[in-house]
Amino acid sequence: MNDIETKQETLDSAFDFANAMYSYNLAKENIKLKIDNRLVYSVNGGTFSVTTEFLNFLCFALQHGEDSLIMLDNNRNPILIPDVEESLEKAKTIYDTVMAQAYEELKQLESSRNIKQVFDK
């Protein structure tokens, strides 16, 4: 094999790796977007992103005896959350479900044959 063929093989290998990494990173970004789109809780006309901060605030309010509270939703509108305990339970269920789905999707992506081949090189 001559020097030009060796360089061409190296270049082809680098392009294959770059394409695989691009596809992998694009798939990971899609999983992240799905997470953001699914982590939503609506109550009383307001929409809230179900984040750990949101869950912790509801938990804090509940621990301090708050039955209801007013919070700014994603559109920065003050929304009455009439039942903090029920909202916490529903939001936690949403969070757990979405995280489990995302974890499985990521695990499946990382175990895909194409990605394993790329990382094994």
PDB file of N, CA and C in Angstrom:
ATOM      1  N   MET A   1       0.857  -1.173   0.000  1.00  0.00           N
ATOM      2  CA  MET A   1       0.000   0.000   0.000  1.00  0.00           C
ATOM      3  C   MET A   1       0.902   1.235   0.000  1.00  0.00           C
ATOM      4  N   ASN A   2       0.589   2.167  -0.861  1.00  0.00           N
ATOM      5  CA  ASN A   2       1.436   3.350  -0.931  1.00  0.00           C
ATOM      6  C   ASN A   2       0.977   4.426   0.042  1.00  0.00           C
ATOM      7  N   ASP A   3       1.751   5.459   0.102  1.00  0.00           N
ATOM      8  CA  ASP A   3       1.519   6.536   1.070  1.00  0.00           C
ATOM      9  C   ASP A   3       0.187   7.250   0.829  1.00  0.00           C
ATOM     10  N   ILE A   4      -0.189   7.443  -0.420  1.00  0.00           N
ATOM     11  CA  ILE A   4      -1.438   8.131  -0.751  1.00  0.00           C
ATOM     12  C   ILE A   4      -2.638   7.289  -0.311  1.00  0.00           C
ATOM     13  N   GLU A   5      -2.591   5.986  -0.523  1.00  0.00           N
ATOM     14  CA  GLU A   5      -3.686   5.106  -0.110  1.00  0.00           C
ATOM     15  C   GLU A   5      -3.820   5.085   1.407  1.00  0.00           C
ATOM     16  N   THR A   6      -2.706   5.078   2.096  1.00  0.00           N
ATOM     17  CA  THR A   6      -2.721   5.092   3.558  1.00  0.00           C
ATOM     18  C   THR A   6      -3.351   6.385   4.073  1.00  0.00           C
ATOM     19  N   LYS A   7      -2.972   7.514   3.465  1.00  0.00           N
ATOM     20  CA  LYS A   7      -3.536   8.791   3.877  1.00  0.00           C
ATOM     21  C   LYS A   7      -5.030   8.844   3.565  1.00  0.00           C
ATOM     22  N   GLN A   8      -5.432   8.271   2.427  1.00  0.00           N
ATOM     23  CA  GLN A   8      -6.844   8.255   2.064  1.00  0.00           C
ATOM     24  C   GLN A   8      -7.651   7.414   3.055  1.00  0.00           C
ATOM     25  N   GLU A   9      -7.109   6.268   3.451  1.00  0.00           N
ATOM     26  CA  GLU A   9      -7.787   5.429   4.440  1.00  0.00           C
ATOM     27  C   GLU A   9      -7.918   6.149   5.773  1.00  0.00           C
ATOM     28  N   THR A  10      -6.862   6.851   6.173  1.00  0.00           N
ATOM     29  CA  THR A  10      -6.893   7.610   7.418  1.00  0.00           C
ATOM     30  C   THR A  10      -7.951   8.712   7.339  1.00  0.00           C
ATOM     31  N   LEU A  11      -7.995   9.400   6.198  1.00  0.00           N
ATOM     32  CA  LEU A  11      -8.977  10.452   5.992  1.00  0.00           C
ATOM     33  C   LEU A  11     -10.393   9.890   5.985  1.00  0.00           C
ATOM     34  N   ASP A  12     -10.603   8.768   5.301  1.00  0.00           N
ATOM     35  CA  ASP A  12     -11.916   8.127   5.283  1.00  0.00           C
ATOM     36  C   ASP A  12     -12.350   7.715   6.689  1.00  0.00           C
ATOM     37  N   SER A  13     -11.402   7.174   7.436  1.00  0.00           N
ATOM     38  CA  SER A  13     -11.695   6.764   8.805  1.00  0.00           C
ATOM     39  C   SER A  13     -12.075   7.972   9.667  1.00  0.00           C
ATOM     40  N   ALA A  14     -11.368   9.072   9.483  1.00  0.00           N
ATOM     41  CA  ALA A  14     -11.666  10.290  10.243  1.00  0.00           C
ATOM     42  C   ALA A  14     -13.055  10.816   9.878  1.00  0.00           C
ATOM     43  N   PHE A  15     -13.410  10.786   8.590  1.00  0.00           N
ATOM     44  CA  PHE A  15     -14.743  11.223   8.178  1.00  0.00           C
ATOM     45  C   PHE A  15     -15.828  10.309   8.738  1.00  0.00           C
ATOM     46  N   ASP A  16     -15.585   9.010   8.734  1.00  0.00           N
ATOM     47  CA  ASP A  16     -16.550   8.068   9.297  1.00  0.00           C
ATOM     48  C   ASP A  16     -16.771   8.355  10.780  1.00  0.00           C
ATOM     49  N   PHE A  17     -15.668   8.595  11.484  1.00  0.00           N
ATOM     50  CA  PHE A  17     -15.760   8.895  12.911  1.00  0.00           C
ATOM     51  C   PHE A  17     -16.527  10.201  13.139  1.00  0.00           C
ATOM     52  N   ALA A  18     -16.194  11.228  12.355  1.00  0.00           N
ATOM     53  CA  ALA A  18     -16.856  12.524  12.501  1.00  0.00           C
ATOM     54  C   ALA A  18     -18.348  12.405  12.209  1.00  0.00           C
ATOM     55  N   ASN A  19     -18.715  11.667  11.179  1.00  0.00           N
ATOM     56  CA  ASN A  19     -20.130  11.480  10.848  1.00  0.00           C
ATOM     57  C   ASN A  19     -20.861  10.720  11.947  1.00  0.00           C
ATOM     58  N   ALA A  20     -20.220   9.689  12.478  1.00  0.00           N
ATOM     59  CA  ALA A  20     -20.840   8.914  13.553  1.00  0.00           C
ATOM     60  C   ALA A  20     -21.016   9.773  14.804  1.00  0.00           C
ATOM     61  N   MET A  21     -20.018  10.567  15.132  1.00  0.00           N
ATOM     62  CA  MET A  21     -20.113  11.432  16.309  1.00  0.00           C
ATOM     63  C   MET A  21     -21.179  12.510  16.105  1.00  0.00           C
ATOM     64  N   TYR A  22     -21.283  13.035  14.892  1.00  0.00           N
ATOM     65  CA  TYR A  22     -22.319  14.017  14.598  1.00  0.00           C
ATOM     66  C   TYR A  22     -23.696  13.390  14.794  1.00  0.00           C
ATOM     67  N   SER A  23     -23.888  12.197  14.261  1.00  0.00           N
ATOM     68  CA  SER A  23     -25.171  11.504  14.394  1.00  0.00           C
ATOM     69  C   SER A  23     -25.482  11.206  15.861  1.00  0.00           C
ATOM     70  N   TYR A  24     -24.475  10.762  16.586  1.00  0.00           N
ATOM     71  CA  TYR A  24     -24.632  10.449  18.004  1.00  0.00           C
ATOM     72  C   TYR A  24     -25.029  11.707  18.791  1.00  0.00           C
ATOM     73  N   ASN A  25     -24.301  12.793  18.568  1.00  0.00           N
ATOM     74  CA  ASN A  25     -24.591  14.035  19.290  1.00  0.00           C
ATOM     75  C   ASN A  25     -25.952  14.610  18.904  1.00  0.00           C
ATOM     76  N   LEU A  26     -26.332  14.467  17.647  1.00  0.00           N
ATOM     77  CA  LEU A  26     -27.647  14.915  17.202  1.00  0.00           C
ATOM     78  C   LEU A  26     -28.745  14.099  17.891  1.00  0.00           C
ATOM     79  N   ALA A  27     -28.548  12.799  17.974  1.00  0.00           N
ATOM     80  CA  ALA A  27     -29.525  11.937  18.659  1.00  0.00           C
ATOM     81  C   ALA A  27     -29.622  12.301  20.144  1.00  0.00           C
ATOM     82  N   LYS A  28     -28.488  12.602  20.786  1.00  0.00           N
ATOM     83  CA  LYS A  28     -28.502  13.015  22.195  1.00  0.00           C
ATOM     84  C   LYS A  28     -29.251  14.336  22.365  1.00  0.00           C
ATOM     85  N   GLU A  29     -29.034  15.271  21.460  1.00  0.00           N
ATOM     86  CA  GLU A  29     -29.741  16.549  21.526  1.00  0.00           C
ATOM     87  C   GLU A  29     -31.250  16.346  21.358  1.00  0.00           C
ATOM     88  N   ASN A  30     -31.631  15.419  20.475  1.00  0.00           N
ATOM     89  CA  ASN A  30     -33.052  15.119  20.290  1.00  0.00           C
ATOM     90  C   ASN A  30     -33.664  14.555  21.560  1.00  0.00           C
ATOM     91  N   ILE A  31     -32.923  13.715  22.260  1.00  0.00           N
ATOM     92  CA  ILE A  31     -33.403  13.173  23.537  1.00  0.00           C
ATOM     93  C   ILE A  31     -33.593  14.316  24.540  1.00  0.00           C
ATOM     94  N   LYS A  32     -32.638  15.241  24.581  1.00  0.00           N
ATOM     95  CA  LYS A  32     -32.748  16.384  25.499  1.00  0.00           C
ATOM     96  C   LYS A  32     -33.968  17.240  25.170  1.00  0.00           C
ATOM     97  N   LEU A  33     -34.224  17.454  23.878  1.00  0.00           N
ATOM     98  CA  LEU A  33     -35.395  18.239  23.478  1.00  0.00           C
ATOM     99  C   LEU A  33     -36.689  17.532  23.866  1.00  0.00           C
ATOM    100  N   LYS A  34     -36.714  16.209  23.709  1.00  0.00           N
ATOM    101  CA  LYS A  34     -37.898  15.442  24.120  1.00  0.00           C
ATOM    102  C   LYS A  34     -38.128  15.601  25.619  1.00  0.00           C
ATOM    103  N   ILE A  35     -37.055  15.555  26.390  1.00  0.00           N
ATOM    104  CA  ILE A  35     -37.168  15.720  27.837  1.00  0.00           C
ATOM    105  C   ILE A  35     -37.813  17.068  28.150  1.00  0.00           C
ATOM    106  N   ASP A  36     -37.277  18.125  27.543  1.00  0.00           N
ATOM    107  CA  ASP A  36     -37.809  19.465  27.816  1.00  0.00           C
ATOM    108  C   ASP A  36     -39.281  19.579  27.426  1.00  0.00           C
ATOM    109  N   ASN A  37     -39.651  18.955  26.314  1.00  0.00           N
ATOM    110  CA  ASN A  37     -41.038  19.036  25.845  1.00  0.00           C
ATOM    111  C   ASN A  37     -41.997  18.192  26.680  1.00  0.00           C
ATOM    112  N   ARG A  38     -41.497  17.152  27.299  1.00  0.00           N
ATOM    113  CA  ARG A  38     -42.350  16.264  28.098  1.00  0.00           C
ATOM    114  C   ARG A  38     -42.447  16.682  29.559  1.00  0.00           C
ATOM    115  N   LEU A  39     -41.459  17.400  30.052  1.00  0.00           N
ATOM    116  CA  LEU A  39     -41.447  17.812  31.466  1.00  0.00           C
ATOM    117  C   LEU A  39     -42.298  19.064  31.661  1.00  0.00           C
ATOM    118  N   VAL A  40     -43.592  18.890  31.496  1.00  0.00           N
ATOM    119  CA  VAL A  40     -44.520  20.008  31.609  1.00  0.00           C
ATOM    120  C   VAL A  40     -45.708  19.578  32.462  1.00  0.00           C
ATOM    121  N   TYR A  41     -46.083  20.461  33.371  1.00  0.00           N
ATOM    122  CA  TYR A  41     -47.242  20.226  34.223  1.00  0.00           C
ATOM    123  C   TYR A  41     -48.148  21.446  34.110  1.00  0.00           C
ATOM    124  N   SER A  42     -49.415  21.190  33.850  1.00  0.00           N
ATOM    125  CA  SER A  42     -50.384  22.276  33.724  1.00  0.00           C
ATOM    126  C   SER A  42     -51.410  22.183  34.847  1.00  0.00           C
ATOM    127  N   VAL A  43     -51.715  23.320  35.411  1.00  0.00           N
ATOM    128  CA  VAL A  43     -52.723  23.402  36.464  1.00  0.00           C
ATOM    129  C   VAL A  43     -53.338  24.797  36.436  1.00  0.00           C
ATOM    130  N   ASN A  44     -54.651  24.840  36.548  1.00  0.00           N
ATOM    131  CA  ASN A  44     -55.369  26.103  36.720  1.00  0.00           C
ATOM    132  C   ASN A  44     -55.040  27.128  35.624  1.00  0.00           C
ATOM    133  N   GLY A  45     -54.840  26.637  34.400  1.00  0.00           N
ATOM    134  CA  GLY A  45     -54.556  27.533  33.275  1.00  0.00           C
ATOM    135  C   GLY A  45     -53.101  27.921  33.125  1.00  0.00           C
ATOM    136  N   GLY A  46     -52.252  27.428  33.998  1.00  0.00           N
ATOM    137  CA  GLY A  46     -50.816  27.735  33.922  1.00  0.00           C
ATOM    138  C   GLY A  46     -50.011  26.520  33.511  1.00  0.00           C
ATOM    139  N   THR A  47     -48.878  26.770  32.919  1.00  0.00           N
ATOM    140  CA  THR A  47     -47.978  25.696  32.497  1.00  0.00           C
ATOM    141  C   THR A  47     -46.636  25.892  33.185  1.00  0.00           C
ATOM    142  N   PHE A  48     -46.155  24.817  33.808  1.00  0.00           N
ATOM    143  CA  PHE A  48     -44.902  24.860  34.556  1.00  0.00           C
ATOM    144  C   PHE A  48     -43.943  23.806  34.016  1.00  0.00           C
ATOM    145  N   SER A  49     -42.675  24.169  33.903  1.00  0.00           N
ATOM    146  CA  SER A  49     -41.647  23.185  33.582  1.00  0.00           C
ATOM    147  C   SER A  49     -41.368  22.387  34.847  1.00  0.00           C
ATOM    148  N   VAL A  50     -41.397  21.076  34.718  1.00  0.00           N
ATOM    149  CA  VAL A  50     -41.161  20.215  35.880  1.00  0.00           C
ATOM    150  C   VAL A  50     -39.655  20.034  36.027  1.00  0.00           C
ATOM    151  N   THR A  51     -39.083  20.898  36.826  1.00  0.00           N
ATOM    152  CA  THR A  51     -37.650  20.849  37.118  1.00  0.00           C
ATOM    153  C   THR A  51     -37.465  20.419  38.569  1.00  0.00           C
ATOM    154  N   THR A  52     -36.251  20.113  38.925  1.00  0.00           N
ATOM    155  CA  THR A  52     -36.001  19.780  40.330  1.00  0.00           C
ATOM    156  C   THR A  52     -36.287  21.000  41.205  1.00  0.00           C
ATOM    157  N   GLU A  53     -36.040  22.186  40.679  1.00  0.00           N
ATOM    158  CA  GLU A  53     -36.345  23.408  41.430  1.00  0.00           C
ATOM    159  C   GLU A  53     -37.848  23.519  41.696  1.00  0.00           C
ATOM    160  N   PHE A  54     -38.664  23.239  40.681  1.00  0.00           N
ATOM    161  CA  PHE A  54     -40.117  23.278  40.828  1.00  0.00           C
ATOM    162  C   PHE A  54     -40.577  22.243  41.858  1.00  0.00           C
ATOM    163  N   LEU A  55     -40.065  21.024  41.728  1.00  0.00           N
ATOM    164  CA  LEU A  55     -40.432  19.958  42.665  1.00  0.00           C
ATOM    165  C   LEU A  55     -40.009  20.317  44.082  1.00  0.00           C
ATOM    166  N   ASN A  56     -38.807  20.839  44.242  1.00  0.00           N
ATOM    167  CA  ASN A  56     -38.315  21.207  45.572  1.00  0.00           C
ATOM    168  C   ASN A  56     -39.131  22.332  46.187  1.00  0.00           C
ATOM    169  N   PHE A  57     -39.548  23.288  45.370  1.00  0.00           N
ATOM    170  CA  PHE A  57     -40.346  24.397  45.899  1.00  0.00           C
ATOM    171  C   PHE A  57     -41.706  23.886  46.380  1.00  0.00           C
ATOM    172  N   LEU A  58     -42.332  23.002  45.589  1.00  0.00           N
ATOM    173  CA  LEU A  58     -43.610  22.427  46.022  1.00  0.00           C
ATOM    174  C   LEU A  58     -43.426  21.630  47.314  1.00  0.00           C
ATOM    175  N   CYS A  59     -42.357  20.865  47.382  1.00  0.00           N
ATOM    176  CA  CYS A  59     -42.072  20.067  48.584  1.00  0.00           C
ATOM    177  C   CYS A  59     -41.841  20.979  49.787  1.00  0.00           C
ATOM    178  N   PHE A  60     -41.089  22.045  49.587  1.00  0.00           N
ATOM    179  CA  PHE A  60     -40.829  23.020  50.648  1.00  0.00           C
ATOM    180  C   PHE A  60     -42.136  23.639  51.146  1.00  0.00           C
ATOM    181  N   ALA A  61     -42.983  24.031  50.197  1.00  0.00           N
ATOM    182  CA  ALA A  61     -44.267  24.642  50.563  1.00  0.00           C
ATOM    183  C   ALA A  61     -45.119  23.655  51.351  1.00  0.00           C
ATOM    184  N   LEU A  62     -45.136  22.412  50.901  1.00  0.00           N
ATOM    185  CA  LEU A  62     -45.916  21.381  51.578  1.00  0.00           C
ATOM    186  C   LEU A  62     -45.389  21.138  52.994  1.00  0.00           C
ATOM    187  N   GLN A  63     -44.075  21.078  53.143  1.00  0.00           N
ATOM    188  CA  GLN A  63     -43.475  20.854  54.455  1.00  0.00           C
ATOM    189  C   GLN A  63     -43.745  22.014  55.421  1.00  0.00           C
ATOM    190  N   HIS A  64     -43.998  23.182  54.870  1.00  0.00           N
ATOM    191  CA  HIS A  64     -44.278  24.344  55.706  1.00  0.00           C
ATOM    192  C   HIS A  64     -45.776  24.640  55.810  1.00  0.00           C
ATOM    193  N   GLY A  65     -46.573  23.609  55.544  1.00  0.00           N
ATOM    194  CA  GLY A  65     -48.001  23.705  55.790  1.00  0.00           C
ATOM    195  C   GLY A  65     -48.820  24.456  54.751  1.00  0.00           C
ATOM    196  N   GLU A  66     -48.241  24.736  53.617  1.00  0.00           N
ATOM    197  CA  GLU A  66     -48.990  25.434  52.568  1.00  0.00           C
ATOM    198  C   GLU A  66     -49.908  24.450  51.849  1.00  0.00           C
ATOM    199  N   ASP A  67     -51.195  24.735  51.833  1.00  0.00           N
ATOM    200  CA  ASP A  67     -52.140  23.899  51.089  1.00  0.00           C
ATOM    201  C   ASP A  67     -52.245  24.359  49.640  1.00  0.00           C
ATOM    202  N   SER A  68     -52.101  25.662  49.442  1.00  0.00           N
ATOM    203  CA  SER A  68     -52.146  26.242  48.106  1.00  0.00           C
ATOM    204  C   SER A  68     -51.104  27.346  48.047  1.00  0.00           C
ATOM    205  N   LEU A  69     -50.738  27.730  46.833  1.00  0.00           N
ATOM    206  CA  LEU A  69     -49.787  28.821  46.681  1.00  0.00           C
ATOM    207  C   LEU A  69     -49.899  29.409  45.284  1.00  0.00           C
ATOM    208  N   ILE A  70     -49.351  30.582  45.133  1.00  0.00           N
ATOM    209  CA  ILE A  70     -49.349  31.261  43.837  1.00  0.00           C
ATOM    210  C   ILE A  70     -47.904  31.291  43.344  1.00  0.00           C
ATOM    211  N   MET A  71     -47.726  30.836  42.107  1.00  0.00           N
ATOM    212  CA  MET A  71     -46.395  30.811  41.492  1.00  0.00           C
ATOM    213  C   MET A  71     -46.471  31.398  40.096  1.00  0.00           C
ATOM    214  N   LEU A  72     -45.329  31.892  39.615  1.00  0.00           N
ATOM    215  CA  LEU A  72     -45.250  32.336  38.229  1.00  0.00           C
ATOM    216  C   LEU A  72     -45.058  31.115  37.339  1.00  0.00           C
ATOM    217  N   ASP A  73     -45.883  31.020  36.290  1.00  0.00           N
ATOM    218  CA  ASP A  73     -45.748  29.900  35.364  1.00  0.00           C
ATOM    219  C   ASP A  73     -44.692  30.230  34.311  1.00  0.00           C
ATOM    220  N   ASN A  74     -44.583  29.377  33.292  1.00  0.00           N
ATOM    221  CA  ASN A  74     -43.573  29.566  32.250  1.00  0.00           C
ATOM    222  C   ASN A  74     -43.746  30.874  31.486  1.00  0.00           C
ATOM    223  N   ASN A  75     -44.962  31.394  31.460  1.00  0.00           N
ATOM    224  CA  ASN A  75     -45.235  32.664  30.776  1.00  0.00           C
ATOM    225  C   ASN A  75     -45.185  33.851  31.727  1.00  0.00           C
ATOM    226  N   ARG A  76     -44.709  33.602  32.943  1.00  0.00           N
ATOM    227  CA  ARG A  76     -44.568  34.610  33.991  1.00  0.00           C
ATOM    228  C   ARG A  76     -45.906  35.199  34.420  1.00  0.00           C
ATOM    229  N   ASN A  77     -46.934  34.357  34.374  1.00  0.00           N
ATOM    230  CA  ASN A  77     -48.248  34.728  34.888  1.00  0.00           C
ATOM    231  C   ASN A  77     -48.421  34.126  36.279  1.00  0.00           C
ATOM    232  N   PRO A  78     -48.934  34.888  37.225  1.00  0.00           N
ATOM    233  CA  PRO A  78     -49.179  34.320  38.553  1.00  0.00           C
ATOM    234  C   PRO A  78     -50.358  33.338  38.472  1.00  0.00           C
ATOM    235  N   ILE A  79     -50.111  32.111  38.909  1.00  0.00           N
ATOM    236  CA  ILE A  79     -51.109  31.046  38.831  1.00  0.00           C
ATOM    237  C   ILE A  79     -51.317  30.461  40.223  1.00  0.00           C
ATOM    238  N   LEU A  80     -52.569  30.292  40.596  1.00  0.00           N
ATOM    239  CA  LEU A  80     -52.896  29.644  41.865  1.00  0.00           C
ATOM    240  C   LEU A  80     -52.763  28.137  41.695  1.00  0.00           C
ATOM    241  N   ILE A  81     -51.962  27.545  42.544  1.00  0.00           N
ATOM    242  CA  ILE A  81     -51.887  26.087  42.636  1.00  0.00           C
ATOM    243  C   ILE A  81     -52.731  25.723  43.843  1.00  0.00           C
ATOM    244  N   PRO A  82     -53.962  25.231  43.580  1.00  0.00           N
ATOM    245  CA  PRO A  82     -54.925  25.071  44.673  1.00  0.00           C
ATOM    246  C   PRO A  82     -54.611  23.929  45.639  1.00  0.00           C
ATOM    247  N   ASP A  83     -53.918  22.915  45.165  1.00  0.00           N
ATOM    248  CA  ASP A  83     -53.617  21.764  46.017  1.00  0.00           C
ATOM    249  C   ASP A  83     -52.148  21.394  45.816  1.00  0.00           C
ATOM    250  N   VAL A  84     -51.304  21.862  46.715  1.00  0.00           N
ATOM    251  CA  VAL A  84     -49.858  21.668  46.594  1.00  0.00           C
ATOM    252  C   VAL A  84     -49.505  20.186  46.615  1.00  0.00           C
ATOM    253  N   GLU A  85     -50.121  19.424  47.510  1.00  0.00           N
ATOM    254  CA  GLU A  85     -49.792  18.002  47.624  1.00  0.00           C
ATOM    255  C   GLU A  85     -50.118  17.251  46.333  1.00  0.00           C
ATOM    256  N   GLU A  86     -51.296  17.489  45.792  1.00  0.00           N
ATOM    257  CA  GLU A  86     -51.695  16.828  44.549  1.00  0.00           C
ATOM    258  C   GLU A  86     -50.784  17.247  43.390  1.00  0.00           C
ATOM    259  N   SER A  87     -50.458  18.524  43.324  1.00  0.00           N
ATOM    260  CA  SER A  87     -49.581  19.020  42.260  1.00  0.00           C
ATOM    261  C   SER A  87     -48.188  18.409  42.367  1.00  0.00           C
ATOM    262  N   LEU A  88     -47.698  18.286  43.590  1.00  0.00           N
ATOM    263  CA  LEU A  88     -46.384  17.661  43.793  1.00  0.00           C
ATOM    264  C   LEU A  88     -46.407  16.210  43.329  1.00  0.00           C
ATOM    265  N   GLU A  89     -47.424  15.482  43.692  1.00  0.00           N
ATOM    266  CA  GLU A  89     -47.530  14.077  43.288  1.00  0.00           C
ATOM    267  C   GLU A  89     -47.584  13.935  41.763  1.00  0.00           C
ATOM    268  N   LYS A  90     -48.408  14.755  41.123  1.00  0.00           N
ATOM    269  CA  LYS A  90     -48.538  14.687  39.665  1.00  0.00           C
ATOM    270  C   LYS A  90     -47.246  15.098  38.969  1.00  0.00           C
ATOM    271  N   ALA A  91     -46.629  16.174  39.438  1.00  0.00           N
ATOM    272  CA  ALA A  91     -45.382  16.646  38.831  1.00  0.00           C
ATOM    273  C   ALA A  91     -44.261  15.626  39.029  1.00  0.00           C
ATOM    274  N   LYS A  92     -44.211  15.012  40.199  1.00  0.00           N
ATOM    275  CA  LYS A  92     -43.181  13.985  40.476  1.00  0.00           C
ATOM    276  C   LYS A  92     -43.378  12.782  39.574  1.00  0.00           C
ATOM    277  N   THR A  93     -44.617  12.393  39.329  1.00  0.00           N
ATOM    278  CA  THR A  93     -44.912  11.280  38.431  1.00  0.00           C
ATOM    279  C   THR A  93     -44.451  11.607  37.012  1.00  0.00           C
ATOM    280  N   ILE A  94     -44.742  12.818  36.577  1.00  0.00           N
ATOM    281  CA  ILE A  94     -44.290  13.254  35.252  1.00  0.00           C
ATOM    282  C   ILE A  94     -42.766  13.182  35.182  1.00  0.00           C
ATOM    283  N   TYR A  95     -42.109  13.730  36.191  1.00  0.00           N
ATOM    284  CA  TYR A  95     -40.642  13.757  36.215  1.00  0.00           C
ATOM    285  C   TYR A  95     -40.063  12.343  36.171  1.00  0.00           C
ATOM    286  N   ASP A  96     -40.565  11.478  37.026  1.00  0.00           N
ATOM    287  CA  ASP A  96     -40.047  10.103  37.076  1.00  0.00           C
ATOM    288  C   ASP A  96     -40.254   9.374  35.750  1.00  0.00           C
ATOM    289  N   THR A  97     -41.424   9.528  35.160  1.00  0.00           N
ATOM    290  CA  THR A  97     -41.737   8.856  33.896  1.00  0.00           C
ATOM    291  C   THR A  97     -40.832   9.347  32.774  1.00  0.00           C
ATOM    292  N   VAL A  98     -40.704  10.646  32.664  1.00  0.00           N
ATOM    293  CA  VAL A  98     -39.880  11.222  31.590  1.00  0.00           C
ATOM    294  C   VAL A  98     -38.412  10.844  31.772  1.00  0.00           C
ATOM    295  N   MET A  99     -37.922  10.900  32.989  1.00  0.00           N
ATOM    296  CA  MET A  99     -36.517  10.551  33.233  1.00  0.00           C
ATOM    297  C   MET A  99     -36.248   9.074  32.923  1.00  0.00           C
ATOM    298  N   ALA A 100     -37.175   8.209  33.281  1.00  0.00           N
ATOM    299  CA  ALA A 100     -37.002   6.776  32.985  1.00  0.00           C
ATOM    300  C   ALA A 100     -36.987   6.539  31.478  1.00  0.00           C
ATOM    301  N   GLN A 101     -37.886   7.208  30.758  1.00  0.00           N
ATOM    302  CA  GLN A 101     -37.911   7.073  29.297  1.00  0.00           C
ATOM    303  C   GLN A 101     -36.626   7.599  28.673  1.00  0.00           C
ATOM    304  N   ALA A 102     -36.176   8.750  29.128  1.00  0.00           N
ATOM    305  CA  ALA A 102     -34.956   9.348  28.579  1.00  0.00           C
ATOM    306  C   ALA A 102     -33.743   8.479  28.875  1.00  0.00           C
ATOM    307  N   TYR A 103     -33.690   7.928  30.072  1.00  0.00           N
ATOM    308  CA  TYR A 103     -32.583   7.048  30.440  1.00  0.00           C
ATOM    309  C   TYR A 103     -32.537   5.835  29.511  1.00  0.00           C
ATOM    310  N   GLU A 104     -33.690   5.240  29.262  1.00  0.00           N
ATOM    311  CA  GLU A 104     -33.742   4.072  28.374  1.00  0.00           C
ATOM    312  C   GLU A 104     -33.352   4.438  26.943  1.00  0.00           C
ATOM    313  N   GLU A 105     -33.813   5.590  26.476  1.00  0.00           N
ATOM    314  CA  GLU A 105     -33.458   6.034  25.127  1.00  0.00           C
ATOM    315  C   GLU A 105     -31.959   6.265  25.008  1.00  0.00           C
ATOM    316  N   LEU A 106     -31.369   6.895  26.007  1.00  0.00           N
ATOM    317  CA  LEU A 106     -29.934   7.151  25.983  1.00  0.00           C
ATOM    318  C   LEU A 106     -29.146   5.849  26.065  1.00  0.00           C
ATOM    319  N   LYS A 107     -29.606   4.941  26.920  1.00  0.00           N
ATOM    320  CA  LYS A 107     -28.946   3.634  27.034  1.00  0.00           C
ATOM    321  C   LYS A 107     -28.999   2.899  25.698  1.00  0.00           C
ATOM    322  N   GLN A 108     -30.142   2.945  25.051  1.00  0.00           N
ATOM    323  CA  GLN A 108     -30.306   2.293  23.756  1.00  0.00           C
ATOM    324  C   GLN A 108     -29.405   2.948  22.712  1.00  0.00           C
ATOM    325  N   LEU A 109     -29.311   4.261  22.726  1.00  0.00           N
ATOM    326  CA  LEU A 109     -28.441   4.965  21.789  1.00  0.00           C
ATOM    327  C   LEU A 109     -26.985   4.575  22.000  1.00  0.00           C
ATOM    328  N   GLU A 110     -26.563   4.544  23.250  1.00  0.00           N
ATOM    329  CA  GLU A 110     -25.162   4.237  23.548  1.00  0.00           C
ATOM    330  C   GLU A 110     -24.808   2.787  23.267  1.00  0.00           C
ATOM    331  N   SER A 111     -25.799   1.921  23.267  1.00  0.00           N
ATOM    332  CA  SER A 111     -25.504   0.519  22.991  1.00  0.00           C
ATOM    333  C   SER A 111     -25.735   0.154  21.530  1.00  0.00           C
ATOM    334  N   SER A 112     -26.108   1.165  20.729  1.00  0.00           N
ATOM    335  CA  SER A 112     -26.345   0.869  19.317  1.00  0.00           C
ATOM    336  C   SER A 112     -25.050   0.413  18.653  1.00  0.00           C
ATOM    337  N   ARG A 113     -25.182  -0.450  17.716  1.00  0.00           N
ATOM    338  CA  ARG A 113     -24.043  -1.077  17.061  1.00  0.00           C
ATOM    339  C   ARG A 113     -23.098  -0.044  16.439  1.00  0.00           C
ATOM    340  N   ASN A 114     -23.630   0.946  15.770  1.00  0.00           N
ATOM    341  CA  ASN A 114     -22.790   1.934  15.096  1.00  0.00           C
ATOM    342  C   ASN A 114     -21.934   2.721  16.080  1.00  0.00           C
ATOM    343  N   ILE A 115     -22.511   3.098  17.195  1.00  0.00           N
ATOM    344  CA  ILE A 115     -21.760   3.874  18.175  1.00  0.00           C
ATOM    345  C   ILE A 115     -20.682   3.019  18.819  1.00  0.00           C
ATOM    346  N   LYS A 116     -21.000   1.771  19.155  1.00  0.00           N
ATOM    347  CA  LYS A 116     -19.990   0.890  19.737  1.00  0.00           C
ATOM    348  C   LYS A 116     -18.814   0.708  18.790  1.00  0.00           C
ATOM    349  N   GLN A 117     -19.098   0.562  17.513  1.00  0.00           N
ATOM    350  CA  GLN A 117     -18.032   0.386  16.531  1.00  0.00           C
ATOM    351  C   GLN A 117     -17.136   1.622  16.487  1.00  0.00           C
ATOM    352  N   VAL A 118     -17.735   2.794  16.561  1.00  0.00           N
ATOM    353  CA  VAL A 118     -16.963   4.031  16.510  1.00  0.00           C
ATOM    354  C   VAL A 118     -16.045   4.145  17.712  1.00  0.00           C
ATOM    355  N   PHE A 119     -16.581   3.872  18.903  1.00  0.00           N
ATOM    356  CA  PHE A 119     -15.784   4.021  20.112  1.00  0.00           C
ATOM    357  C   PHE A 119     -14.748   2.909  20.279  1.00  0.00           C
ATOM    358  N   ASP A 120     -14.961   1.791  19.637  1.00  0.00           N
ATOM    359  CA  ASP A 120     -14.004   0.690  19.729  1.00  0.00           C
ATOM    360  C   ASP A 120     -12.778   0.903  18.837  1.00  0.00           C
ATOM    361  N   LYS A 121     -12.881   1.822  17.886  1.00  0.00           N
ATOM    362  CA  LYS A 121     -11.753   2.056  16.971  1.00  0.00           C
ATOM    363  C   LYS A 121     -10.627   2.772  17.656  1.00  0.00           C
TER     364      LYS A 121
END
